Amino acid sequence: MRRLSIVKELLLSLVERKKFFLAPLVIILVLMIVFILLAEIPALTPFIYAIF
């Protein structure tokens, strides 16, 4: 639950300070984290490798 609050706080900070140019960076980082977490599941590994 704490991780979600950190992400929420980061996004609210970006909107409040009008740092919209950082949004693609945040999106790419989140996608990379998701792929890394999915790659650790042995049953899903072949599907992740097929994407790349």
PDB file of N, CA and C in Angstrom:
ATOM      1  N   MET A   1       0.817  -1.180   0.000  1.00  0.00           N
ATOM      2  CA  MET A   1       0.000   0.000   0.000  1.00  0.00           C
ATOM      3  C   MET A   1       0.872   1.260   0.000  1.00  0.00           C
ATOM      4  N   ARG A   2       1.981   1.183   0.653  1.00  0.00           N
ATOM      5  CA  ARG A   2       2.876   2.336   0.749  1.00  0.00           C
ATOM      6  C   ARG A   2       3.429   2.721  -0.618  1.00  0.00           C
ATOM      7  N   ARG A   3       3.700   1.720  -1.458  1.00  0.00           N
ATOM      8  CA  ARG A   3       4.249   1.993  -2.790  1.00  0.00           C
ATOM      9  C   ARG A   3       3.269   2.777  -3.637  1.00  0.00           C
ATOM     10  N   LEU A   4       1.988   2.442  -3.525  1.00  0.00           N
ATOM     11  CA  LEU A   4       0.986   3.158  -4.298  1.00  0.00           C
ATOM     12  C   LEU A   4       0.895   4.614  -3.865  1.00  0.00           C
ATOM     13  N   SER A   5       1.051   4.868  -2.591  1.00  0.00           N
ATOM     14  CA  SER A   5       0.995   6.249  -2.121  1.00  0.00           C
ATOM     15  C   SER A   5       2.198   7.048  -2.616  1.00  0.00           C
ATOM     16  N   ILE A   6       3.337   6.403  -2.750  1.00  0.00           N
ATOM     17  CA  ILE A   6       4.522   7.083  -3.283  1.00  0.00           C
ATOM     18  C   ILE A   6       4.302   7.456  -4.738  1.00  0.00           C
ATOM     19  N   VAL A   7       3.743   6.535  -5.513  1.00  0.00           N
ATOM     20  CA  VAL A   7       3.474   6.806  -6.926  1.00  0.00           C
ATOM     21  C   VAL A   7       2.435   7.912  -7.057  1.00  0.00           C
ATOM     22  N   LYS A   8       1.400   7.850  -6.240  1.00  0.00           N
ATOM     23  CA  LYS A   8       0.357   8.877  -6.259  1.00  0.00           C
ATOM     24  C   LYS A   8       0.943  10.248  -5.921  1.00  0.00           C
ATOM     25  N   GLU A   9       1.788  10.287  -4.921  1.00  0.00           N
ATOM     26  CA  GLU A   9       2.413  11.548  -4.525  1.00  0.00           C
ATOM     27  C   GLU A   9       3.307  12.098  -5.639  1.00  0.00           C
ATOM     28  N   LEU A  10       4.036  11.221  -6.302  1.00  0.00           N
ATOM     29  CA  LEU A  10       4.897  11.640  -7.411  1.00  0.00           C
ATOM     30  C   LEU A  10       4.070  12.228  -8.547  1.00  0.00           C
ATOM     31  N   LEU A  11       2.989  11.540  -8.916  1.00  0.00           N
ATOM     32  CA  LEU A  11       2.151  12.029 -10.005  1.00  0.00           C
ATOM     33  C   LEU A  11       1.484  13.358  -9.653  1.00  0.00           C
ATOM     34  N   LEU A  12       1.003  13.488  -8.430  1.00  0.00           N
ATOM     35  CA  LEU A  12       0.405  14.759  -8.013  1.00  0.00           C
ATOM     36  C   LEU A  12       1.425  15.883  -8.011  1.00  0.00           C
ATOM     37  N   SER A  13       2.641  15.578  -7.630  1.00  0.00           N
ATOM     38  CA  SER A  13       3.702  16.580  -7.641  1.00  0.00           C
ATOM     39  C   SER A  13       4.023  17.030  -9.064  1.00  0.00           C
ATOM     40  N   LEU A  14       4.053  16.068 -10.000  1.00  0.00           N
ATOM     41  CA  LEU A  14       4.325  16.421 -11.396  1.00  0.00           C
ATOM     42  C   LEU A  14       3.227  17.322 -11.964  1.00  0.00           C
ATOM     43  N   VAL A  15       1.988  17.030 -11.627  1.00  0.00           N
ATOM     44  CA  VAL A  15       0.871  17.835 -12.121  1.00  0.00           C
ATOM     45  C   VAL A  15       0.881  19.217 -11.481  1.00  0.00           C
ATOM     46  N   GLU A  16       1.141  19.263 -10.184  1.00  0.00           N
ATOM     47  CA  GLU A  16       1.125  20.540  -9.459  1.00  0.00           C
ATOM     48  C   GLU A  16       2.223  21.478  -9.951  1.00  0.00           C
ATOM     49  N   ARG A  17       3.380  20.929 -10.222  1.00  0.00           N
ATOM     50  CA  ARG A  17       4.515  21.765 -10.658  1.00  0.00           C
ATOM     51  C   ARG A  17       4.612  21.893 -12.166  1.00  0.00           C
ATOM     52  N   LYS A  18       3.638  21.299 -12.878  1.00  0.00           N
ATOM     53  CA  LYS A  18       3.558  21.361 -14.338  1.00  0.00           C
ATOM     54  C   LYS A  18       4.823  20.829 -15.005  1.00  0.00           C
ATOM     55  N   LYS A  19       5.311  19.710 -14.499  1.00  0.00           N
ATOM     56  CA  LYS A  19       6.480  19.049 -15.069  1.00  0.00           C
ATOM     57  C   LYS A  19       6.022  17.899 -15.969  1.00  0.00           C
ATOM     58  N   PHE A  20       5.193  18.221 -16.949  1.00  0.00           N
ATOM     59  CA  PHE A  20       4.601  17.200 -17.797  1.00  0.00           C
ATOM     60  C   PHE A  20       5.630  16.493 -18.672  1.00  0.00           C
ATOM     61  N   PHE A  21       6.766  17.122 -18.910  1.00  0.00           N
ATOM     62  CA  PHE A  21       7.787  16.494 -19.740  1.00  0.00           C
ATOM     63  C   PHE A  21       8.413  15.280 -19.046  1.00  0.00           C
ATOM     64  N   LEU A  22       8.214  15.126 -17.738  1.00  0.00           N
ATOM     65  CA  LEU A  22       8.734  13.969 -17.012  1.00  0.00           C
ATOM     66  C   LEU A  22       7.789  12.769 -17.057  1.00  0.00           C
ATOM     67  N   ALA A  23       6.577  12.971 -17.548  1.00  0.00           N
ATOM     68  CA  ALA A  23       5.585  11.886 -17.583  1.00  0.00           C
ATOM     69  C   ALA A  23       6.071  10.682 -18.399  1.00  0.00           C
ATOM     70  N   PRO A  24       6.644  10.861 -19.601  1.00  0.00           N
ATOM     71  CA  PRO A  24       7.127   9.683 -20.340  1.00  0.00           C
ATOM     72  C   PRO A  24       8.198   8.899 -19.581  1.00  0.00           C
ATOM     73  N   LEU A  25       9.047   9.584 -18.866  1.00  0.00           N
ATOM     74  CA  LEU A  25      10.078   8.926 -18.078  1.00  0.00           C
ATOM     75  C   LEU A  25       9.461   8.072 -16.981  1.00  0.00           C
ATOM     76  N   VAL A  26       8.476   8.609 -16.308  1.00  0.00           N
ATOM     77  CA  VAL A  26       7.808   7.870 -15.237  1.00  0.00           C
ATOM     78  C   VAL A  26       7.083   6.656 -15.805  1.00  0.00           C
ATOM     79  N   ILE A  27       6.426   6.823 -16.946  1.00  0.00           N
ATOM     80  CA  ILE A  27       5.702   5.712 -17.572  1.00  0.00           C
ATOM     81  C   ILE A  27       6.663   4.598 -17.974  1.00  0.00           C
ATOM     82  N   ILE A  28       7.788   4.951 -18.562  1.00  0.00           N
ATOM     83  CA  ILE A  28       8.780   3.950 -18.967  1.00  0.00           C
ATOM     84  C   ILE A  28       9.345   3.218 -17.755  1.00  0.00           C
ATOM     85  N   LEU A  29       9.626   3.939 -16.686  1.00  0.00           N
ATOM     86  CA  LEU A  29      10.143   3.305 -15.477  1.00  0.00           C
ATOM     87  C   LEU A  29       9.139   2.331 -14.883  1.00  0.00           C
ATOM     88  N   VAL A  30       7.868   2.710 -14.864  1.00  0.00           N
ATOM     89  CA  VAL A  30       6.831   1.828 -14.327  1.00  0.00           C
ATOM     90  C   VAL A  30       6.703   0.575 -15.199  1.00  0.00           C
ATOM     91  N   LEU A  31       6.737   0.739 -16.508  1.00  0.00           N
ATOM     92  CA  LEU A  31       6.659  -0.422 -17.402  1.00  0.00           C
ATOM     93  C   LEU A  31       7.851  -1.359 -17.216  1.00  0.00           C
ATOM     94  N   MET A  32       9.030  -0.798 -17.027  1.00  0.00           N
ATOM     95  CA  MET A  32      10.209  -1.634 -16.804  1.00  0.00           C
ATOM     96  C   MET A  32      10.084  -2.411 -15.499  1.00  0.00           C
ATOM     97  N   ILE A  33       9.577  -1.785 -14.473  1.00  0.00           N
ATOM     98  CA  ILE A  33       9.385  -2.471 -13.190  1.00  0.00           C
ATOM     99  C   ILE A  33       8.394  -3.613 -13.345  1.00  0.00           C
ATOM    100  N   VAL A  34       7.313  -3.365 -14.079  1.00  0.00           N
ATOM    101  CA  VAL A  34       6.316  -4.414 -14.299  1.00  0.00           C
ATOM    102  C   VAL A  34       6.923  -5.580 -15.064  1.00  0.00           C
ATOM    103  N   PHE A  35       7.688  -5.296 -16.106  1.00  0.00           N
ATOM    104  CA  PHE A  35       8.325  -6.374 -16.874  1.00  0.00           C
ATOM    105  C   PHE A  35       9.317  -7.167 -16.031  1.00  0.00           C
ATOM    106  N   ILE A  36      10.059  -6.498 -15.194  1.00  0.00           N
ATOM    107  CA  ILE A  36      11.011  -7.196 -14.329  1.00  0.00           C
ATOM    108  C   ILE A  36      10.281  -8.104 -13.346  1.00  0.00           C
ATOM    109  N   LEU A  37       9.199  -7.605 -12.777  1.00  0.00           N
ATOM    110  CA  LEU A  37       8.434  -8.425 -11.839  1.00  0.00           C
ATOM    111  C   LEU A  37       7.792  -9.615 -12.546  1.00  0.00           C
ATOM    112  N   LEU A  38       7.291  -9.419 -13.748  1.00  0.00           N
ATOM    113  CA  LEU A  38       6.689 -10.519 -14.497  1.00  0.00           C
ATOM    114  C   LEU A  38       7.737 -11.532 -14.957  1.00  0.00           C
ATOM    115  N   ALA A  39       8.948 -11.077 -15.221  1.00  0.00           N
ATOM    116  CA  ALA A  39      10.006 -11.974 -15.679  1.00  0.00           C
ATOM    117  C   ALA A  39      10.455 -12.927 -14.576  1.00  0.00           C
ATOM    118  N   GLU A  40      10.163 -12.598 -13.344  1.00  0.00           N
ATOM    119  CA  GLU A  40      10.552 -13.468 -12.236  1.00  0.00           C
ATOM    120  C   GLU A  40       9.607 -14.651 -12.068  1.00  0.00           C
ATOM    121  N   ILE A  41       8.456 -14.605 -12.728  1.00  0.00           N
ATOM    122  CA  ILE A  41       7.501 -15.711 -12.671  1.00  0.00           C
ATOM    123  C   ILE A  41       7.853 -16.678 -13.800  1.00  0.00           C
ATOM    124  N   PRO A  42       8.299 -17.889 -13.465  1.00  0.00           N
ATOM    125  CA  PRO A  42       8.787 -18.820 -14.494  1.00  0.00           C
ATOM    126  C   PRO A  42       7.767 -19.147 -15.579  1.00  0.00           C
ATOM    127  N   ALA A  43       6.497 -19.220 -15.259  1.00  0.00           N
ATOM    128  CA  ALA A  43       5.490 -19.572 -16.256  1.00  0.00           C
ATOM    129  C   ALA A  43       5.280 -18.459 -17.283  1.00  0.00           C
ATOM    130  N   LEU A  44       5.559 -17.218 -16.902  1.00  0.00           N
ATOM    131  CA  LEU A  44       5.342 -16.089 -17.808  1.00  0.00           C
ATOM    132  C   LEU A  44       6.587 -15.670 -18.573  1.00  0.00           C
ATOM    133  N   THR A  45       7.716 -16.204 -18.240  1.00  0.00           N
ATOM    134  CA  THR A  45       8.980 -15.807 -18.846  1.00  0.00           C
ATOM    135  C   THR A  45       8.987 -15.957 -20.366  1.00  0.00           C
ATOM    136  N   PRO A  46       8.530 -17.067 -20.947  1.00  0.00           N
ATOM    137  CA  PRO A  46       8.549 -17.170 -22.413  1.00  0.00           C
ATOM    138  C   PRO A  46       7.715 -16.086 -23.103  1.00  0.00           C
ATOM    139  N   PHE A  47       6.623 -15.675 -22.492  1.00  0.00           N
ATOM    140  CA  PHE A  47       5.798 -14.642 -23.096  1.00  0.00           C
ATOM    141  C   PHE A  47       6.459 -13.278 -23.057  1.00  0.00           C
ATOM    142  N   ILE A  48       7.183 -13.002 -21.991  1.00  0.00           N
ATOM    143  CA  ILE A  48       7.903 -11.730 -21.882  1.00  0.00           C
ATOM    144  C   ILE A  48       9.009 -11.684 -22.923  1.00  0.00           C
ATOM    145  N   TYR A  49       9.747 -12.777 -23.096  1.00  0.00           N
ATOM    146  CA  TYR A  49      10.822 -12.808 -24.072  1.00  0.00           C
ATOM    147  C   TYR A  49      10.279 -12.707 -25.493  1.00  0.00           C
ATOM    148  N   ALA A  50       9.068 -13.175 -25.733  1.00  0.00           N
ATOM    149  CA  ALA A  50       8.466 -13.091 -27.069  1.00  0.00           C
ATOM    150  C   ALA A  50       8.146 -11.639 -27.433  1.00  0.00           C
ATOM    151  N   ILE A  51       7.895 -10.808 -26.443  1.00  0.00           N
ATOM    152  CA  ILE A  51       7.599  -9.395 -26.716  1.00  0.00           C
ATOM    153  C   ILE A  51       8.828  -8.695 -27.295  1.00  0.00           C
ATOM    154  N   PHE A  52       9.996  -9.055 -26.789  1.00  0.00           N
ATOM    155  CA  PHE A  52      11.209  -8.398 -27.245  1.00  0.00           C
ATOM    156  C   PHE A  52      11.878  -9.213 -28.319  1.00  0.00           C
TER     157      PHE A  52
END
